Amino acid sequence: MRQYDRGIDQFQKTLELDPNYGRPHEWLGYAYEKKGMQKETIAEWSRALNLSGANEEASMLDHAYALRLRGGGGGPGAKTTRTIQ
């Protein structure tokens, strides 16, 4: 039996103790993903990436999700461009 709600509750309690610990954000994202909660999934994975120092990857994840919400690609074979500063 899957207990995603219980897991979500436990990860949230862990984050109350230390919101700057990245691993619970990652696993909370996985639990949200299993429940079909895309917005929450991306938010937690983005936090986990930012906390690990992968800020650029977090930004790209946020951008890809925003494109997907607008119906702008994001599926297999979708072409993307990246600006190098």
C-alpha atoms as a PDB file:
ATOM      1  CA  MET A   1       0.000   0.000   0.000  1.00  0.00           C
ATOM      2  CA  ARG A   2       1.330   3.423  -1.006  1.00  0.00           C
ATOM      3  CA  GLN A   3       1.301   6.013   1.752  1.00  0.00           C
ATOM      4  CA  TYR A   4       2.199   9.189  -0.089  1.00  0.00           C
ATOM      5  CA  ASP A   5       0.178  11.447   2.210  1.00  0.00           C
ATOM      6  CA  ARG A   6       1.978  10.056   5.238  1.00  0.00           C
ATOM      7  CA  GLY A   7       5.325  10.521   3.511  1.00  0.00           C
ATOM      8  CA  ILE A   8       4.473  14.087   2.556  1.00  0.00           C
ATOM      9  CA  ASP A   9       3.559  14.821   6.164  1.00  0.00           C
ATOM     10  CA  GLN A  10       6.848  13.378   7.421  1.00  0.00           C
ATOM     11  CA  PHE A  11       8.977  15.281   4.887  1.00  0.00           C
ATOM     12  CA  GLN A  12       7.174  18.511   5.769  1.00  0.00           C
ATOM     13  CA  LYS A  13       7.888  17.912   9.470  1.00  0.00           C
ATOM     14  CA  THR A  14      11.558  17.283   8.662  1.00  0.00           C
ATOM     15  CA  LEU A  15      11.685  20.540   6.709  1.00  0.00           C
ATOM     16  CA  GLU A  16      10.179  22.418   9.640  1.00  0.00           C
ATOM     17  CA  LEU A  17      13.271  21.396  11.610  1.00  0.00           C
ATOM     18  CA  ASP A  18      15.722  22.287   8.827  1.00  0.00           C
ATOM     19  CA  PRO A  19      14.272  23.959   5.715  1.00  0.00           C
ATOM     20  CA  ASN A  20      17.757  24.256   4.206  1.00  0.00           C
ATOM     21  CA  TYR A  21      18.308  20.499   4.002  1.00  0.00           C
ATOM     22  CA  GLY A  22      17.914  19.619   0.330  1.00  0.00           C
ATOM     23  CA  ARG A  23      17.269  15.884   0.432  1.00  0.00           C
ATOM     24  CA  PRO A  24      13.776  16.104   2.035  1.00  0.00           C
ATOM     25  CA  HIS A  25      12.798  18.629  -0.659  1.00  0.00           C
ATOM     26  CA  GLU A  26      13.847  16.101  -3.298  1.00  0.00           C
ATOM     27  CA  TRP A  27      11.888  13.240  -1.740  1.00  0.00           C
ATOM     28  CA  LEU A  28       8.881  15.453  -1.053  1.00  0.00           C
ATOM     29  CA  GLY A  29       8.945  16.226  -4.775  1.00  0.00           C
ATOM     30  CA  TYR A  30       8.887  12.510  -5.579  1.00  0.00           C
ATOM     31  CA  ALA A  31       5.870  12.001  -3.317  1.00  0.00           C
ATOM     32  CA  TYR A  32       4.090  14.923  -4.970  1.00  0.00           C
ATOM     33  CA  GLU A  33       4.950  13.494  -8.384  1.00  0.00           C
ATOM     34  CA  LYS A  34       3.347  10.155  -7.481  1.00  0.00           C
ATOM     35  CA  LYS A  35       0.182  12.014  -6.479  1.00  0.00           C
ATOM     36  CA  GLY A  36       0.112  13.953  -9.764  1.00  0.00           C
ATOM     37  CA  MET A  37       0.866  17.292  -8.092  1.00  0.00           C
ATOM     38  CA  GLN A  38       3.091  18.744 -10.823  1.00  0.00           C
ATOM     39  CA  LYS A  39       3.369  22.322  -9.574  1.00  0.00           C
ATOM     40  CA  GLU A  40       4.384  21.190  -6.085  1.00  0.00           C
ATOM     41  CA  THR A  41       6.780  18.602  -7.544  1.00  0.00           C
ATOM     42  CA  ILE A  42       8.658  21.207  -9.577  1.00  0.00           C
ATOM     43  CA  ALA A  43       8.751  23.637  -6.646  1.00  0.00           C
ATOM     44  CA  GLU A  44      10.340  21.058  -4.329  1.00  0.00           C
ATOM     45  CA  TRP A  45      12.827  19.802  -6.911  1.00  0.00           C
ATOM     46  CA  SER A  46      13.780  23.385  -7.693  1.00  0.00           C
ATOM     47  CA  ARG A  47      14.388  24.075  -3.986  1.00  0.00           C
ATOM     48  CA  ALA A  48      16.490  20.924  -3.711  1.00  0.00           C
ATOM     49  CA  LEU A  49      18.590  21.965  -6.711  1.00  0.00           C
ATOM     50  CA  ASN A  50      19.051  25.508  -5.400  1.00  0.00           C
ATOM     51  CA  LEU A  51      20.123  24.213  -2.000  1.00  0.00           C
ATOM     52  CA  SER A  52      22.660  21.900  -3.651  1.00  0.00           C
ATOM     53  CA  GLY A  53      24.168  24.830  -5.559  1.00  0.00           C
ATOM     54  CA  ALA A  54      22.688  23.773  -8.901  1.00  0.00           C
ATOM     55  CA  ASN A  55      20.958  27.117  -9.423  1.00  0.00           C
ATOM     56  CA  GLU A  56      21.173  27.054 -13.218  1.00  0.00           C
ATOM     57  CA  GLU A  57      19.570  23.625 -13.367  1.00  0.00           C
ATOM     58  CA  ALA A  58      16.818  24.791 -11.024  1.00  0.00           C
ATOM     59  CA  SER A  59      16.157  27.758 -13.294  1.00  0.00           C
ATOM     60  CA  MET A  60      15.993  25.504 -16.355  1.00  0.00           C
ATOM     61  CA  LEU A  61      13.582  23.160 -14.556  1.00  0.00           C
ATOM     62  CA  ASP A  62      11.311  26.100 -13.674  1.00  0.00           C
ATOM     63  CA  HIS A  63      11.461  27.372 -17.246  1.00  0.00           C
ATOM     64  CA  ALA A  64      10.672  23.960 -18.752  1.00  0.00           C
ATOM     65  CA  TYR A  65       7.673  23.584 -16.445  1.00  0.00           C
ATOM     66  CA  ALA A  66       6.396  27.054 -17.358  1.00  0.00           C
ATOM     67  CA  LEU A  67       6.667  26.191 -21.059  1.00  0.00           C
ATOM     68  CA  ARG A  68       4.802  22.956 -20.479  1.00  0.00           C
ATOM     69  CA  LEU A  69       1.982  24.795 -18.694  1.00  0.00           C
ATOM     70  CA  ARG A  70       1.619  27.176 -21.631  1.00  0.00           C
ATOM     71  CA  GLY A  71       1.527  24.245 -24.037  1.00  0.00           C
ATOM     72  CA  GLY A  72       4.865  25.258 -25.505  1.00  0.00           C
ATOM     73  CA  GLY A  73       6.617  21.990 -26.106  1.00  0.00           C
ATOM     74  CA  GLY A  74       8.518  20.129 -23.510  1.00  0.00           C
ATOM     75  CA  GLY A  75       7.658  16.767 -24.971  1.00  0.00           C
ATOM     76  CA  PRO A  76       9.984  14.288 -26.645  1.00  0.00           C
ATOM     77  CA  GLY A  77      11.792  15.801 -29.595  1.00  0.00           C
ATOM     78  CA  ALA A  78      10.989  19.358 -28.579  1.00  0.00           C
ATOM     79  CA  LYS A  79      13.615  21.834 -29.643  1.00  0.00           C
ATOM     80  CA  THR A  80      14.951  24.314 -27.136  1.00  0.00           C
ATOM     81  CA  THR A  81      17.434  27.126 -27.312  1.00  0.00           C
ATOM     82  CA  ARG A  82      19.689  28.387 -24.597  1.00  0.00           C
ATOM     83  CA  THR A  83      21.247  31.802 -24.291  1.00  0.00           C
ATOM     84  CA  ILE A  84      24.810  31.828 -23.055  1.00  0.00           C
ATOM     85  CA  GLN A  85      25.741  34.935 -21.108  1.00  0.00           C
END
